[in-house]
Amino acid sequence: MKKEQRSRLADIFTTFLKFGCFTFGGGWSIVAQIQKEYVEKKHWITDEELLDFTSVGRSLPGLMIGNASVLFGHHTAGIPGALLALLGIVLPPFVIMIGVTFVYGLVKDNPYVANAMMGVRAAVVPIIISAMLKLFKAGMKDLFCYLIALGALALCLFTNISNVLIVVLGAAAGLIYMEVKERHAVS
């Protein structure tokens, strides 16, 4: 294994370990951190690629961020990168949850803990909104994208259709749109 590849793998593991330790607010806030670190700072991936990883990760069984981490790791460093990204992202919460399990009974009614968690939740909202806006810009290429997004939102809000089916319908609409667009270009 070359030094450059070892360095990339170490970077993936340590950065995802950091995300796992210090990013509160769940998967979307971690997506915001990945966007900042690997799109804006290091330029390893584009906003579009991150949006693809997140979309596919959300569509598969399991935790979105675990799935997206595996896709990111594989894209940037193959199977070892996928495994190290996943290990890095899940190891800290796993260890922390073991510790919390043992002390939960002692702190669950503590007003300091409750207020600290309220502050954490409030601080995470703008981080998530920031990531959402950046990914929104990357994903919305033309009017058709907006129509698909509005249709998917309507299906989510006003029907009981499975999110997986909504994603499949969006993919089908995109393929049909591409086919129609290509036929018009040939004509």
N, C-alpha and C. Protein backbone atom coordinates (compact mmCIF):
# COMPACT_ATOMS: atom_id res chain seq x y z
N MET A 1 0.85 -1.18 0.00
CA MET A 1 0.00 0.00 0.00
C MET A 1 0.90 1.25 0.00
N LYS A 2 0.60 2.17 -0.89
CA LYS A 2 1.41 3.37 -1.02
C LYS A 2 1.16 4.33 0.15
N LYS A 3 2.16 5.17 0.39
CA LYS A 3 2.08 6.13 1.49
C LYS A 3 0.89 7.07 1.31
N GLU A 4 0.64 7.51 0.08
CA GLU A 4 -0.47 8.41 -0.20
C GLU A 4 -1.81 7.75 0.14
N GLN A 5 -1.95 6.47 -0.20
CA GLN A 5 -3.19 5.74 0.09
C GLN A 5 -3.35 5.55 1.61
N ARG A 6 -2.25 5.21 2.31
CA ARG A 6 -2.32 5.08 3.77
C ARG A 6 -2.72 6.40 4.41
N SER A 7 -2.18 7.49 3.89
CA SER A 7 -2.50 8.81 4.41
C SER A 7 -3.98 9.14 4.20
N ARG A 8 -4.51 8.81 3.03
CA ARG A 8 -5.92 9.06 2.74
C ARG A 8 -6.81 8.22 3.67
N LEU A 9 -6.46 6.96 3.86
CA LEU A 9 -7.24 6.08 4.73
C LEU A 9 -7.20 6.58 6.18
N ALA A 10 -6.03 7.02 6.62
CA ALA A 10 -5.92 7.56 7.98
C ALA A 10 -6.76 8.81 8.12
N ASP A 11 -6.75 9.66 7.09
CA ASP A 11 -7.57 10.87 7.11
C ASP A 11 -9.05 10.53 7.22
N ILE A 12 -9.50 9.58 6.41
CA ILE A 12 -10.91 9.18 6.44
C ILE A 12 -11.28 8.68 7.83
N PHE A 13 -10.48 7.79 8.37
CA PHE A 13 -10.81 7.23 9.69
C PHE A 13 -10.83 8.31 10.77
N THR A 14 -9.78 9.12 10.84
CA THR A 14 -9.71 10.11 11.93
C THR A 14 -10.78 11.19 11.77
N THR A 15 -11.06 11.58 10.54
CA THR A 15 -12.09 12.62 10.34
C THR A 15 -13.47 12.07 10.67
N PHE A 16 -13.77 10.86 10.24
CA PHE A 16 -15.08 10.28 10.56
C PHE A 16 -15.18 9.94 12.05
N LEU A 17 -14.06 9.62 12.68
CA LEU A 17 -14.04 9.43 14.12
C LEU A 17 -14.39 10.75 14.82
N LYS A 18 -13.83 11.85 14.32
CA LYS A 18 -14.14 13.17 14.85
C LYS A 18 -15.63 13.49 14.65
N PHE A 19 -16.13 13.22 13.45
CA PHE A 19 -17.56 13.44 13.20
C PHE A 19 -18.40 12.66 14.20
N GLY A 20 -18.03 11.41 14.41
CA GLY A 20 -18.77 10.56 15.33
C GLY A 20 -18.73 11.04 16.77
N CYS A 21 -17.63 11.67 17.16
CA CYS A 21 -17.47 12.16 18.53
C CYS A 21 -18.14 13.51 18.77
N PHE A 22 -18.05 14.40 17.80
CA PHE A 22 -18.37 15.79 18.07
C PHE A 22 -19.50 16.39 17.25
N THR A 23 -20.15 15.62 16.41
CA THR A 23 -21.24 16.18 15.62
C THR A 23 -22.55 15.71 16.22
N PHE A 24 -23.25 16.65 16.83
CA PHE A 24 -24.53 16.35 17.45
C PHE A 24 -25.64 16.68 16.47
N GLY A 25 -26.76 15.99 16.60
CA GLY A 25 -27.92 16.32 15.78
C GLY A 25 -28.24 15.27 14.73
N GLY A 26 -27.53 14.18 14.71
CA GLY A 26 -27.89 13.10 13.81
C GLY A 26 -27.24 13.20 12.44
N GLY A 27 -27.76 12.39 11.53
CA GLY A 27 -27.18 12.24 10.21
C GLY A 27 -27.03 13.52 9.41
N TRP A 28 -28.04 14.38 9.44
CA TRP A 28 -27.98 15.57 8.60
C TRP A 28 -26.90 16.54 9.06
N SER A 29 -26.68 16.63 10.35
CA SER A 29 -25.61 17.52 10.80
C SER A 29 -24.24 16.94 10.44
N ILE A 30 -24.15 15.61 10.37
CA ILE A 30 -22.90 14.99 9.93
C ILE A 30 -22.70 15.23 8.44
N VAL A 31 -23.78 15.20 7.67
CA VAL A 31 -23.69 15.53 6.24
C VAL A 31 -23.14 16.94 6.08
N ALA A 32 -23.58 17.86 6.94
CA ALA A 32 -23.07 19.24 6.89
C ALA A 32 -21.56 19.26 7.14
N GLN A 33 -21.09 18.44 8.07
CA GLN A 33 -19.66 18.39 8.36
C GLN A 33 -18.88 17.76 7.22
N ILE A 34 -19.43 16.72 6.61
CA ILE A 34 -18.78 16.10 5.45
C ILE A 34 -18.69 17.13 4.33
N GLN A 35 -19.76 17.88 4.14
CA GLN A 35 -19.79 18.90 3.09
C GLN A 35 -18.70 19.93 3.32
N LYS A 36 -18.58 20.38 4.56
CA LYS A 36 -17.58 21.40 4.87
C LYS A 36 -16.16 20.85 4.70
N GLU A 37 -15.92 19.64 5.19
CA GLU A 37 -14.56 19.07 5.19
C GLU A 37 -14.13 18.57 3.81
N TYR A 38 -14.99 17.77 3.16
CA TYR A 38 -14.55 17.08 1.95
C TYR A 38 -15.00 17.73 0.63
N VAL A 39 -15.97 18.63 0.70
CA VAL A 39 -16.35 19.37 -0.50
C VAL A 39 -15.65 20.72 -0.52
N GLU A 40 -15.82 21.48 0.57
CA GLU A 40 -15.29 22.85 0.59
C GLU A 40 -13.79 22.92 0.86
N LYS A 41 -13.32 22.17 1.87
CA LYS A 41 -11.91 22.27 2.26
C LYS A 41 -10.98 21.43 1.39
N LYS A 42 -11.24 20.13 1.32
CA LYS A 42 -10.30 19.21 0.67
C LYS A 42 -10.62 18.94 -0.80
N HIS A 43 -11.84 19.25 -1.23
CA HIS A 43 -12.25 19.07 -2.62
C HIS A 43 -12.11 17.61 -3.09
N TRP A 44 -12.38 16.67 -2.21
CA TRP A 44 -12.32 15.25 -2.58
C TRP A 44 -13.57 14.85 -3.36
N ILE A 45 -14.69 15.49 -3.05
CA ILE A 45 -15.96 15.20 -3.72
C ILE A 45 -16.65 16.52 -4.03
N THR A 46 -17.70 16.43 -4.85
CA THR A 46 -18.50 17.61 -5.18
C THR A 46 -19.79 17.60 -4.37
N ASP A 47 -20.49 18.72 -4.37
CA ASP A 47 -21.80 18.76 -3.71
C ASP A 47 -22.74 17.74 -4.33
N GLU A 48 -22.66 17.58 -5.65
CA GLU A 48 -23.53 16.62 -6.34
C GLU A 48 -23.25 15.19 -5.87
N GLU A 49 -21.98 14.85 -5.72
CA GLU A 49 -21.64 13.50 -5.25
C GLU A 49 -22.12 13.30 -3.82
N LEU A 50 -21.95 14.29 -2.96
CA LEU A 50 -22.44 14.17 -1.59
C LEU A 50 -23.95 14.01 -1.58
N LEU A 51 -24.63 14.74 -2.42
CA LEU A 51 -26.09 14.61 -2.53
C LEU A 51 -26.46 13.20 -3.00
N ASP A 52 -25.70 12.66 -3.95
CA ASP A 52 -25.95 11.29 -4.40
C ASP A 52 -25.75 10.29 -3.27
N PHE A 53 -24.64 10.42 -2.52
CA PHE A 53 -24.38 9.51 -1.41
C PHE A 53 -25.51 9.58 -0.38
N THR A 54 -25.94 10.80 -0.09
CA THR A 54 -26.99 11.00 0.91
C THR A 54 -28.32 10.44 0.41
N SER A 55 -28.63 10.67 -0.86
CA SER A 55 -29.89 10.16 -1.42
C SER A 55 -29.92 8.64 -1.42
N VAL A 56 -28.84 8.04 -1.88
CA VAL A 56 -28.78 6.57 -1.90
C VAL A 56 -28.77 6.04 -0.47
N GLY A 57 -27.98 6.67 0.41
CA GLY A 57 -27.92 6.24 1.80
C GLY A 57 -29.26 6.31 2.50
N ARG A 58 -30.04 7.32 2.16
CA ARG A 58 -31.38 7.49 2.74
C ARG A 58 -32.35 6.45 2.21
N SER A 59 -32.11 5.99 0.99
CA SER A 59 -33.02 5.04 0.35
C SER A 59 -32.78 3.60 0.75
N LEU A 60 -31.62 3.31 1.31
CA LEU A 60 -31.28 1.93 1.69
C LEU A 60 -31.70 1.65 3.13
N PRO A 61 -31.86 0.39 3.48
CA PRO A 61 -32.16 0.06 4.88
C PRO A 61 -30.98 0.47 5.78
N GLY A 62 -31.27 0.78 7.01
CA GLY A 62 -30.23 1.16 7.96
C GLY A 62 -30.16 2.66 8.14
N LEU A 63 -29.15 3.09 8.86
CA LEU A 63 -28.99 4.51 9.13
C LEU A 63 -28.42 5.22 7.91
N MET A 64 -29.04 6.33 7.56
CA MET A 64 -28.61 7.09 6.39
C MET A 64 -27.14 7.46 6.48
N ILE A 65 -26.68 7.93 7.63
CA ILE A 65 -25.31 8.41 7.71
C ILE A 65 -24.30 7.26 7.64
N GLY A 66 -24.66 6.11 8.17
CA GLY A 66 -23.78 4.94 8.02
C GLY A 66 -23.66 4.54 6.56
N ASN A 67 -24.80 4.51 5.87
CA ASN A 67 -24.79 4.16 4.45
C ASN A 67 -24.02 5.20 3.63
N ALA A 68 -24.28 6.48 3.90
CA ALA A 68 -23.59 7.55 3.16
C ALA A 68 -22.09 7.52 3.43
N SER A 69 -21.71 7.21 4.67
CA SER A 69 -20.28 7.13 5.01
C SER A 69 -19.60 6.01 4.23
N VAL A 70 -20.26 4.87 4.13
CA VAL A 70 -19.71 3.75 3.36
C VAL A 70 -19.55 4.15 1.90
N LEU A 71 -20.56 4.79 1.33
CA LEU A 71 -20.49 5.22 -0.07
C LEU A 71 -19.36 6.23 -0.28
N PHE A 72 -19.24 7.19 0.64
CA PHE A 72 -18.16 8.17 0.55
C PHE A 72 -16.80 7.48 0.62
N GLY A 73 -16.63 6.62 1.64
CA GLY A 73 -15.35 5.93 1.83
C GLY A 73 -14.97 5.09 0.63
N HIS A 74 -15.95 4.39 0.07
CA HIS A 74 -15.68 3.55 -1.10
C HIS A 74 -15.31 4.42 -2.30
N HIS A 75 -16.02 5.51 -2.49
CA HIS A 75 -15.75 6.40 -3.62
C HIS A 75 -14.34 7.00 -3.55
N THR A 76 -13.91 7.34 -2.36
CA THR A 76 -12.63 8.04 -2.21
C THR A 76 -11.44 7.12 -1.94
N ALA A 77 -11.69 5.89 -1.45
CA ALA A 77 -10.56 5.01 -1.12
C ALA A 77 -10.89 3.53 -1.19
N GLY A 78 -11.89 3.17 -1.95
CA GLY A 78 -12.21 1.76 -2.13
C GLY A 78 -12.80 1.10 -0.88
N ILE A 79 -12.72 -0.23 -0.86
CA ILE A 79 -13.30 -0.99 0.25
C ILE A 79 -12.65 -0.64 1.58
N PRO A 80 -11.33 -0.49 1.67
CA PRO A 80 -10.76 -0.08 2.96
C PRO A 80 -11.30 1.28 3.42
N GLY A 81 -11.50 2.20 2.49
CA GLY A 81 -12.07 3.51 2.84
C GLY A 81 -13.49 3.38 3.34
N ALA A 82 -14.27 2.52 2.72
CA ALA A 82 -15.65 2.28 3.15
C ALA A 82 -15.69 1.74 4.58
N LEU A 83 -14.84 0.75 4.84
CA LEU A 83 -14.81 0.15 6.17
C LEU A 83 -14.33 1.13 7.24
N LEU A 84 -13.31 1.92 6.91
CA LEU A 84 -12.78 2.87 7.89
C LEU A 84 -13.73 4.03 8.14
N ALA A 85 -14.43 4.50 7.10
CA ALA A 85 -15.42 5.56 7.30
C ALA A 85 -16.54 5.05 8.20
N LEU A 86 -17.01 3.85 7.95
CA LEU A 86 -18.08 3.28 8.77
C LEU A 86 -17.62 3.07 10.21
N LEU A 87 -16.44 2.51 10.38
CA LEU A 87 -15.92 2.29 11.72
C LEU A 87 -15.73 3.62 12.45
N GLY A 88 -15.20 4.60 11.76
CA GLY A 88 -14.98 5.91 12.37
C GLY A 88 -16.27 6.57 12.80
N ILE A 89 -17.32 6.44 12.00
CA ILE A 89 -18.58 7.14 12.31
C ILE A 89 -19.37 6.42 13.39
N VAL A 90 -19.26 5.09 13.50
CA VAL A 90 -20.08 4.36 14.47
C VAL A 90 -19.38 4.08 15.80
N LEU A 91 -18.07 4.04 15.80
CA LEU A 91 -17.35 3.70 17.03
C LEU A 91 -17.61 4.69 18.18
N PRO A 92 -17.48 6.01 17.97
CA PRO A 92 -17.72 6.94 19.09
C PRO A 92 -19.14 6.86 19.66
N PRO A 93 -20.20 6.90 18.83
CA PRO A 93 -21.53 6.80 19.43
C PRO A 93 -21.76 5.48 20.16
N PHE A 94 -21.16 4.41 19.64
CA PHE A 94 -21.30 3.10 20.28
C PHE A 94 -20.70 3.14 21.69
N VAL A 95 -19.48 3.65 21.79
CA VAL A 95 -18.81 3.73 23.10
C VAL A 95 -19.56 4.69 24.03
N ILE A 96 -19.97 5.83 23.48
CA ILE A 96 -20.70 6.82 24.29
C ILE A 96 -22.02 6.24 24.78
N MET A 97 -22.73 5.51 23.92
CA MET A 97 -24.02 4.93 24.33
C MET A 97 -23.83 3.88 25.43
N ILE A 98 -22.75 3.14 25.38
CA ILE A 98 -22.48 2.19 26.47
C ILE A 98 -22.33 2.96 27.78
N GLY A 99 -21.56 4.06 27.74
CA GLY A 99 -21.39 4.88 28.94
C GLY A 99 -22.68 5.52 29.40
N VAL A 100 -23.46 6.06 28.47
CA VAL A 100 -24.74 6.70 28.82
C VAL A 100 -25.70 5.69 29.44
N THR A 101 -25.69 4.48 28.91
CA THR A 101 -26.57 3.44 29.44
C THR A 101 -26.33 3.22 30.94
N PHE A 102 -25.06 3.27 31.33
CA PHE A 102 -24.73 3.03 32.73
C PHE A 102 -25.07 4.21 33.63
N VAL A 103 -25.03 5.44 33.10
CA VAL A 103 -25.26 6.60 33.96
C VAL A 103 -26.61 7.28 33.71
N TYR A 104 -27.40 6.78 32.77
CA TYR A 104 -28.65 7.44 32.41
C TYR A 104 -29.57 7.65 33.62
N GLY A 105 -29.71 6.64 34.42
CA GLY A 105 -30.58 6.74 35.59
C GLY A 105 -30.15 7.85 36.55
N LEU A 106 -28.86 8.12 36.60
CA LEU A 106 -28.34 9.15 37.49
C LEU A 106 -28.56 10.57 36.96
N VAL A 107 -28.59 10.74 35.63
CA VAL A 107 -28.64 12.10 35.07
C VAL A 107 -29.94 12.45 34.36
N LYS A 108 -30.85 11.49 34.19
CA LYS A 108 -32.03 11.74 33.37
C LYS A 108 -32.89 12.88 33.89
N ASP A 109 -32.91 13.12 35.19
CA ASP A 109 -33.73 14.18 35.75
C ASP A 109 -32.92 15.41 36.16
N ASN A 110 -31.63 15.44 35.80
CA ASN A 110 -30.77 16.55 36.15
C ASN A 110 -31.10 17.76 35.28
N PRO A 111 -31.46 18.90 35.89
CA PRO A 111 -31.84 20.08 35.08
C PRO A 111 -30.68 20.63 34.26
N TYR A 112 -29.45 20.48 34.72
CA TYR A 112 -28.29 20.95 33.95
C TYR A 112 -28.14 20.14 32.65
N VAL A 113 -28.30 18.84 32.77
CA VAL A 113 -28.21 17.97 31.60
C VAL A 113 -29.35 18.30 30.63
N ALA A 114 -30.56 18.45 31.16
CA ALA A 114 -31.72 18.76 30.31
C ALA A 114 -31.52 20.09 29.58
N ASN A 115 -31.03 21.11 30.27
CA ASN A 115 -30.82 22.41 29.63
C ASN A 115 -29.67 22.38 28.64
N ALA A 116 -28.62 21.64 28.95
CA ALA A 116 -27.51 21.51 28.01
C ALA A 116 -27.99 20.85 26.72
N MET A 117 -28.81 19.80 26.84
CA MET A 117 -29.32 19.12 25.66
C MET A 117 -30.26 20.03 24.86
N MET A 118 -31.03 20.87 25.54
CA MET A 118 -31.89 21.82 24.85
C MET A 118 -31.02 22.78 24.02
N GLY A 119 -29.92 23.25 24.60
CA GLY A 119 -29.00 24.13 23.87
C GLY A 119 -28.36 23.45 22.68
N VAL A 120 -27.98 22.19 22.84
CA VAL A 120 -27.38 21.43 21.74
C VAL A 120 -28.39 21.30 20.60
N ARG A 121 -29.63 20.94 20.92
CA ARG A 121 -30.65 20.80 19.88
C ARG A 121 -30.86 22.11 19.14
N ALA A 122 -30.91 23.22 19.87
CA ALA A 122 -31.11 24.53 19.23
C ALA A 122 -29.93 24.91 18.35
N ALA A 123 -28.72 24.58 18.75
CA ALA A 123 -27.54 24.94 17.97
C ALA A 123 -27.40 24.08 16.71
N VAL A 124 -27.95 22.88 16.73
CA VAL A 124 -27.83 21.98 15.59
C VAL A 124 -28.74 22.39 14.44
N VAL A 125 -29.87 23.01 14.73
CA VAL A 125 -30.83 23.37 13.68
C VAL A 125 -30.20 24.22 12.58
N PRO A 126 -29.48 25.32 12.89
CA PRO A 126 -28.89 26.09 11.79
C PRO A 126 -27.83 25.32 11.00
N ILE A 127 -27.13 24.41 11.65
CA ILE A 127 -26.14 23.59 10.94
C ILE A 127 -26.83 22.72 9.91
N ILE A 128 -27.94 22.11 10.29
CA ILE A 128 -28.69 21.25 9.39
C ILE A 128 -29.28 22.08 8.24
N ILE A 129 -29.84 23.25 8.56
CA ILE A 129 -30.43 24.11 7.53
C ILE A 129 -29.36 24.55 6.53
N SER A 130 -28.17 24.88 7.02
CA SER A 130 -27.07 25.29 6.15
C SER A 130 -26.72 24.18 5.16
N ALA A 131 -26.58 22.95 5.65
CA ALA A 131 -26.27 21.81 4.77
C ALA A 131 -27.39 21.59 3.77
N MET A 132 -28.63 21.70 4.24
CA MET A 132 -29.78 21.49 3.37
C MET A 132 -29.77 22.50 2.22
N LEU A 133 -29.49 23.76 2.52
CA LEU A 133 -29.48 24.79 1.48
C LEU A 133 -28.38 24.53 0.45
N LYS A 134 -27.20 24.12 0.91
CA LYS A 134 -26.10 23.84 -0.02
C LYS A 134 -26.43 22.63 -0.90
N LEU A 135 -27.00 21.60 -0.31
CA LEU A 135 -27.36 20.41 -1.08
C LEU A 135 -28.52 20.72 -2.02
N PHE A 136 -29.43 21.58 -1.58
CA PHE A 136 -30.56 21.98 -2.42
C PHE A 136 -30.04 22.63 -3.70
N LYS A 137 -29.08 23.54 -3.56
CA LYS A 137 -28.50 24.21 -4.72
C LYS A 137 -27.84 23.21 -5.67
N ALA A 138 -27.15 22.22 -5.10
CA ALA A 138 -26.46 21.23 -5.92
C ALA A 138 -27.43 20.30 -6.64
N GLY A 139 -28.58 20.03 -6.03
CA GLY A 139 -29.52 19.06 -6.60
C GLY A 139 -30.53 19.64 -7.56
N MET A 140 -30.75 20.93 -7.52
CA MET A 140 -31.80 21.54 -8.33
C MET A 140 -31.19 22.19 -9.57
N LYS A 141 -31.17 21.45 -10.66
CA LYS A 141 -30.50 21.90 -11.87
C LYS A 141 -31.41 22.69 -12.81
N ASP A 142 -32.70 22.36 -12.83
CA ASP A 142 -33.61 23.03 -13.75
C ASP A 142 -35.05 22.92 -13.23
N LEU A 143 -35.99 23.44 -14.00
CA LEU A 143 -37.40 23.44 -13.60
C LEU A 143 -37.90 22.03 -13.32
N PHE A 144 -37.45 21.06 -14.11
CA PHE A 144 -37.90 19.69 -13.92
C PHE A 144 -37.55 19.18 -12.52
N CYS A 145 -36.35 19.52 -12.04
CA CYS A 145 -35.94 19.11 -10.69
C CYS A 145 -36.89 19.69 -9.64
N TYR A 146 -37.26 20.95 -9.82
CA TYR A 146 -38.20 21.57 -8.88
C TYR A 146 -39.55 20.88 -8.91
N LEU A 147 -40.01 20.51 -10.10
CA LEU A 147 -41.30 19.82 -10.21
C LEU A 147 -41.25 18.46 -9.53
N ILE A 148 -40.16 17.72 -9.73
CA ILE A 148 -40.00 16.42 -9.07
C ILE A 148 -39.97 16.61 -7.55
N ALA A 149 -39.21 17.61 -7.09
CA ALA A 149 -39.11 17.87 -5.65
C ALA A 149 -40.48 18.23 -5.07
N LEU A 150 -41.23 19.08 -5.74
CA LEU A 150 -42.56 19.45 -5.25
C LEU A 150 -43.51 18.25 -5.24
N GLY A 151 -43.43 17.45 -6.29
CA GLY A 151 -44.26 16.23 -6.34
C GLY A 151 -43.90 15.27 -5.22
N ALA A 152 -42.60 15.08 -4.98
CA ALA A 152 -42.15 14.18 -3.90
C ALA A 152 -42.58 14.72 -2.54
N LEU A 153 -42.46 16.03 -2.35
CA LEU A 153 -42.90 16.64 -1.09
C LEU A 153 -44.40 16.43 -0.88
N ALA A 154 -45.18 16.63 -1.93
CA ALA A 154 -46.63 16.43 -1.83
C ALA A 154 -46.95 14.98 -1.47
N LEU A 155 -46.25 14.04 -2.11
CA LEU A 155 -46.48 12.62 -1.80
C LEU A 155 -46.10 12.31 -0.34
N CYS A 156 -45.01 12.90 0.14
CA CYS A 156 -44.58 12.68 1.53
C CYS A 156 -45.60 13.25 2.52
N LEU A 157 -46.09 14.44 2.22
CA LEU A 157 -46.96 15.12 3.18
C LEU A 157 -48.40 14.62 3.16
N PHE A 158 -48.91 14.24 1.97
CA PHE A 158 -50.35 14.00 1.84
C PHE A 158 -50.74 12.57 1.51
N THR A 159 -49.78 11.66 1.46
CA THR A 159 -50.11 10.26 1.22
C THR A 159 -49.34 9.37 2.20
N ASN A 160 -49.66 8.12 2.17
CA ASN A 160 -48.92 7.15 2.98
C ASN A 160 -47.96 6.32 2.13
N ILE A 161 -47.61 6.85 0.97
CA ILE A 161 -46.69 6.15 0.07
C ILE A 161 -45.32 6.04 0.73
N SER A 162 -44.70 4.90 0.60
CA SER A 162 -43.37 4.65 1.16
C SER A 162 -42.34 5.60 0.56
N ASN A 163 -41.41 6.07 1.40
CA ASN A 163 -40.33 6.94 0.92
C ASN A 163 -39.49 6.24 -0.15
N VAL A 164 -39.33 4.94 -0.03
CA VAL A 164 -38.56 4.19 -1.02
C VAL A 164 -39.27 4.27 -2.38
N LEU A 165 -40.59 4.12 -2.37
CA LEU A 165 -41.34 4.21 -3.62
C LEU A 165 -41.25 5.62 -4.21
N ILE A 166 -41.28 6.63 -3.36
CA ILE A 166 -41.15 8.01 -3.83
C ILE A 166 -39.80 8.21 -4.52
N VAL A 167 -38.74 7.67 -3.93
CA VAL A 167 -37.41 7.77 -4.54
C VAL A 167 -37.38 7.02 -5.87
N VAL A 168 -37.96 5.84 -5.91
CA VAL A 168 -38.00 5.06 -7.16
C VAL A 168 -38.79 5.83 -8.23
N LEU A 169 -39.91 6.43 -7.84
CA LEU A 169 -40.70 7.22 -8.79
C LEU A 169 -39.88 8.43 -9.29
N GLY A 170 -39.14 9.06 -8.39
CA GLY A 170 -38.28 10.17 -8.80
C GLY A 170 -37.22 9.73 -9.79
N ALA A 171 -36.60 8.57 -9.53
CA ALA A 171 -35.60 8.04 -10.45
C ALA A 171 -36.23 7.72 -11.80
N ALA A 172 -37.41 7.12 -11.79
CA ALA A 172 -38.10 6.79 -13.05
C ALA A 172 -38.44 8.06 -13.81
N ALA A 173 -38.93 9.08 -13.11
CA ALA A 173 -39.24 10.36 -13.77
C ALA A 173 -37.99 10.96 -14.39
N GLY A 174 -36.86 10.88 -13.68
CA GLY A 174 -35.61 11.41 -14.21
C GLY A 174 -35.17 10.67 -15.47
N LEU A 175 -35.33 9.35 -15.47
CA LEU A 175 -34.96 8.56 -16.65
C LEU A 175 -35.87 8.88 -17.84
N ILE A 176 -37.16 9.01 -17.57
CA ILE A 176 -38.11 9.36 -18.65
C ILE A 176 -37.78 10.75 -19.19
N TYR A 177 -37.51 11.67 -18.31
CA TYR A 177 -37.17 13.04 -18.72
C TYR A 177 -35.92 13.04 -19.59
N MET A 178 -34.90 12.27 -19.19
CA MET A 178 -33.67 12.19 -19.97
C MET A 178 -33.95 11.62 -21.35
N GLU A 179 -34.77 10.58 -21.43
CA GLU A 179 -35.10 9.95 -22.71
C GLU A 179 -35.82 10.93 -23.62
N VAL A 180 -36.79 11.66 -23.07
CA VAL A 180 -37.54 12.63 -23.86
C VAL A 180 -36.61 13.75 -24.34
N LYS A 181 -35.76 14.20 -23.46
CA LYS A 181 -34.82 15.28 -23.79
C LYS A 181 -33.86 14.84 -24.90
N GLU A 182 -33.36 13.61 -24.82
CA GLU A 182 -32.44 13.10 -25.84
C GLU A 182 -33.15 12.94 -27.19
N ARG A 183 -34.40 12.50 -27.18
CA ARG A 183 -35.15 12.34 -28.44
C ARG A 183 -35.38 13.68 -29.10
N HIS A 184 -35.67 14.71 -28.30
CA HIS A 184 -35.87 16.05 -28.86
C HIS A 184 -34.56 16.61 -29.40
N ALA A 185 -33.44 16.25 -28.78
CA ALA A 185 -32.13 16.74 -29.24
C ALA A 185 -31.77 16.11 -30.58
N VAL A 186 -32.18 14.85 -30.80
CA VAL A 186 -31.89 14.14 -32.04
C VAL A 186 -32.79 14.64 -33.17
N SER A 187 -34.02 14.98 -32.84
CA SER A 187 -34.99 15.42 -33.86
C SER A 187 -34.61 16.69 -34.53
